[in-house]
Protein backbone atom coordinates (compact mmCIF):
# COMPACT_ATOMS: atom_id res chain seq x y z
CA MET A 1 -14.66 -11.19 -33.56
CA ARG A 2 -17.15 -11.86 -36.34
CA THR A 3 -17.48 -8.81 -37.26
CA ALA A 4 -13.54 -7.90 -37.50
CA LEU A 5 -12.72 -11.22 -39.53
CA GLU A 6 -15.72 -10.64 -41.33
CA ARG A 7 -13.39 -6.92 -41.97
CA THR A 8 -10.21 -7.19 -41.75
CA PRO A 9 -9.22 -10.37 -42.42
CA SER A 10 -5.63 -9.76 -41.61
CA ILE A 11 -5.84 -9.21 -38.29
CA VAL A 12 -5.91 -12.97 -38.39
CA ASP A 13 -1.16 -13.25 -39.41
CA ARG A 14 -0.91 -9.90 -36.73
CA VAL A 15 -3.37 -11.20 -33.92
CA PHE A 16 -2.54 -14.62 -33.66
CA THR A 17 0.47 -17.16 -34.08
CA THR A 18 1.35 -20.05 -36.76
CA ALA A 19 0.39 -22.35 -34.40
CA GLU A 20 -2.55 -19.90 -33.27
CA VAL A 21 -3.96 -19.83 -36.73
CA ALA A 22 -3.81 -23.76 -36.99
CA ASP A 23 -6.67 -24.50 -33.52
CA ALA A 24 -8.49 -21.69 -34.38
CA GLU A 25 -9.03 -22.95 -37.65
CA ARG A 26 -9.16 -26.37 -37.20
CA GLY A 27 -12.51 -26.87 -37.08
CA GLY A 28 -15.79 -25.07 -35.41
CA ASP A 29 -16.42 -21.90 -35.42
CA ARG A 30 -13.58 -20.30 -35.78
CA ALA A 31 -14.63 -16.86 -35.01
CA GLU A 32 -15.57 -18.07 -31.13
CA ARG A 33 -12.18 -19.69 -31.35
CA TYR A 34 -9.71 -16.10 -32.37
CA ALA A 35 -11.82 -14.39 -29.74
CA ALA A 36 -11.30 -16.62 -26.28
CA ARG A 37 -8.00 -16.74 -27.55
CA PHE A 38 -7.82 -13.16 -27.97
CA ALA A 39 -9.50 -12.85 -24.24
CA ALA A 40 -7.01 -14.42 -23.29
CA LYS A 41 -4.14 -11.87 -24.18
CA GLU A 42 -5.89 -9.64 -22.80
CA ALA A 43 -5.86 -11.32 -19.40
CA VAL A 44 -2.58 -12.15 -19.64
CA LEU A 45 -2.17 -7.96 -20.38
CA LYS A 46 -4.21 -6.91 -17.38
CA ALA A 47 -3.18 -10.12 -14.94
CA LEU A 48 1.14 -8.42 -16.01
CA GLY A 49 0.61 -4.98 -14.93
CA SER A 50 0.07 -3.72 -18.66
CA GLY A 51 -2.70 -2.94 -21.20
CA LEU A 52 -2.69 -3.47 -24.73
CA GLY A 53 -0.55 -2.19 -27.25
CA SER A 54 2.51 -2.66 -25.27
CA VAL A 55 3.77 -5.98 -27.03
CA SER A 56 3.26 -7.87 -29.68
CA LEU A 57 -0.20 -9.87 -29.24
CA ARG A 58 1.55 -12.34 -31.07
CA ALA A 59 3.69 -12.03 -28.43
CA ILE A 60 1.95 -14.06 -26.31
CA GLU A 61 0.34 -17.53 -27.47
CA VAL A 62 -2.39 -20.02 -26.75
CA ARG A 63 -2.01 -23.17 -26.41
CA ARG A 64 -3.72 -26.21 -26.69
CA ALA A 65 -3.03 -29.13 -25.36
CA GLU A 66 -4.49 -33.06 -26.91
CA SER A 67 -6.83 -32.93 -23.54
CA GLY A 68 -8.32 -29.48 -24.68
CA ALA A 69 -5.95 -27.16 -21.53
CA PRO A 70 -5.13 -23.64 -22.54
CA SER A 71 -2.38 -23.02 -21.80
CA VAL A 72 0.03 -19.56 -22.42
CA HIS A 73 3.18 -19.12 -23.85
CA LEU A 74 5.37 -15.39 -23.17
CA HIS A 75 8.11 -14.66 -26.57
CA ASP A 76 10.24 -11.65 -26.99
CA GLY A 77 8.47 -8.53 -25.59
CA ALA A 78 5.67 -10.48 -23.47
CA SER A 79 8.25 -12.49 -21.38
CA GLU A 80 10.72 -9.52 -20.57
CA LEU A 81 7.65 -8.04 -18.92
CA ALA A 82 6.70 -11.03 -17.36
CA ARG A 83 10.41 -11.49 -15.95
CA ARG A 84 10.41 -7.71 -14.50
CA ARG A 85 7.10 -8.04 -12.92
CA GLY A 86 8.16 -11.69 -11.38
CA VAL A 87 5.91 -13.42 -12.84
CA GLY A 88 6.65 -17.15 -13.03
CA GLY A 89 3.66 -18.21 -15.09
CA LEU A 90 0.17 -18.30 -16.10
CA LEU A 91 -3.11 -20.61 -15.71
CA VAL A 92 -5.24 -19.68 -17.88
CA SER A 93 -9.74 -20.12 -18.19
CA LEU A 94 -11.31 -20.01 -21.53
CA THR A 95 -14.85 -19.34 -21.92
CA HIS A 96 -16.78 -19.03 -25.63
CA THR A 97 -20.10 -19.09 -27.44
CA ALA A 98 -20.84 -18.02 -30.46
CA THR A 99 -21.91 -14.39 -29.46
CA THR A 100 -19.99 -14.14 -26.31
CA ALA A 101 -16.01 -15.30 -25.21
CA GLY A 102 -14.39 -14.04 -22.11
CA ALA A 103 -11.13 -14.90 -19.96
CA VAL A 104 -8.88 -15.29 -16.74
CA VAL A 105 -5.67 -15.02 -16.35
CA VAL A 106 -3.66 -15.65 -13.24
CA ALA A 107 -0.47 -15.27 -13.19
CA THR A 108 2.69 -16.68 -10.16
CA THR A 109 5.34 -15.70 -8.35
CA GLY A 110 6.38 -19.79 -8.70
CA ALA A 111 6.64 -22.45 -11.03
CA GLY A 112 2.45 -22.92 -10.42
CA GLY A 113 1.26 -22.79 -14.38
CA THR A 114 2.88 -22.85 -17.55
CA ALA A 115 6.45 -21.18 -17.55
CA ALA A 116 6.10 -18.35 -18.87
CA ALA A 117 9.18 -17.23 -20.81
CA ASP A 118 9.57 -20.80 -23.07
CA GLY A 119 12.53 -19.45 -25.38
CA ALA A 120 10.94 -20.19 -28.28
CA ASP A 121 11.00 -17.14 -30.79
CA ARG A 122 7.22 -16.29 -31.67
CA GLY A 123 6.49 -17.48 -34.76
CA GLY A 124 4.17 -19.79 -33.03
CA GLY A 125 6.11 -23.72 -32.67
CA GLY A 126 4.06 -25.88 -30.47
């Protein structure tokens, strides 16, 4: 991610919501934060039985609670995909170091996890 940010700064606006950018830029290593969020977006798509390119990555928003706990909120095409797949919620775990980032996402069919589709616009409120 560090190289992608250096070579193609516009990736930030194409992939991340306004809220995600604000969180990633708040301090520490921004590349680590962006990499973890990108990993979560990819993991969400896999949990939904899809892959990169099936919906806009901005339609998958990774939020951070005051406690630091991550959550995933879906908008637009991602929300519709989750609805079609019967997903009622998503649970997410993120990890990152200076050189590696990863995420695990579990899709639930009940009310567990964060709302898979919260109806907010994908611009990234928070």
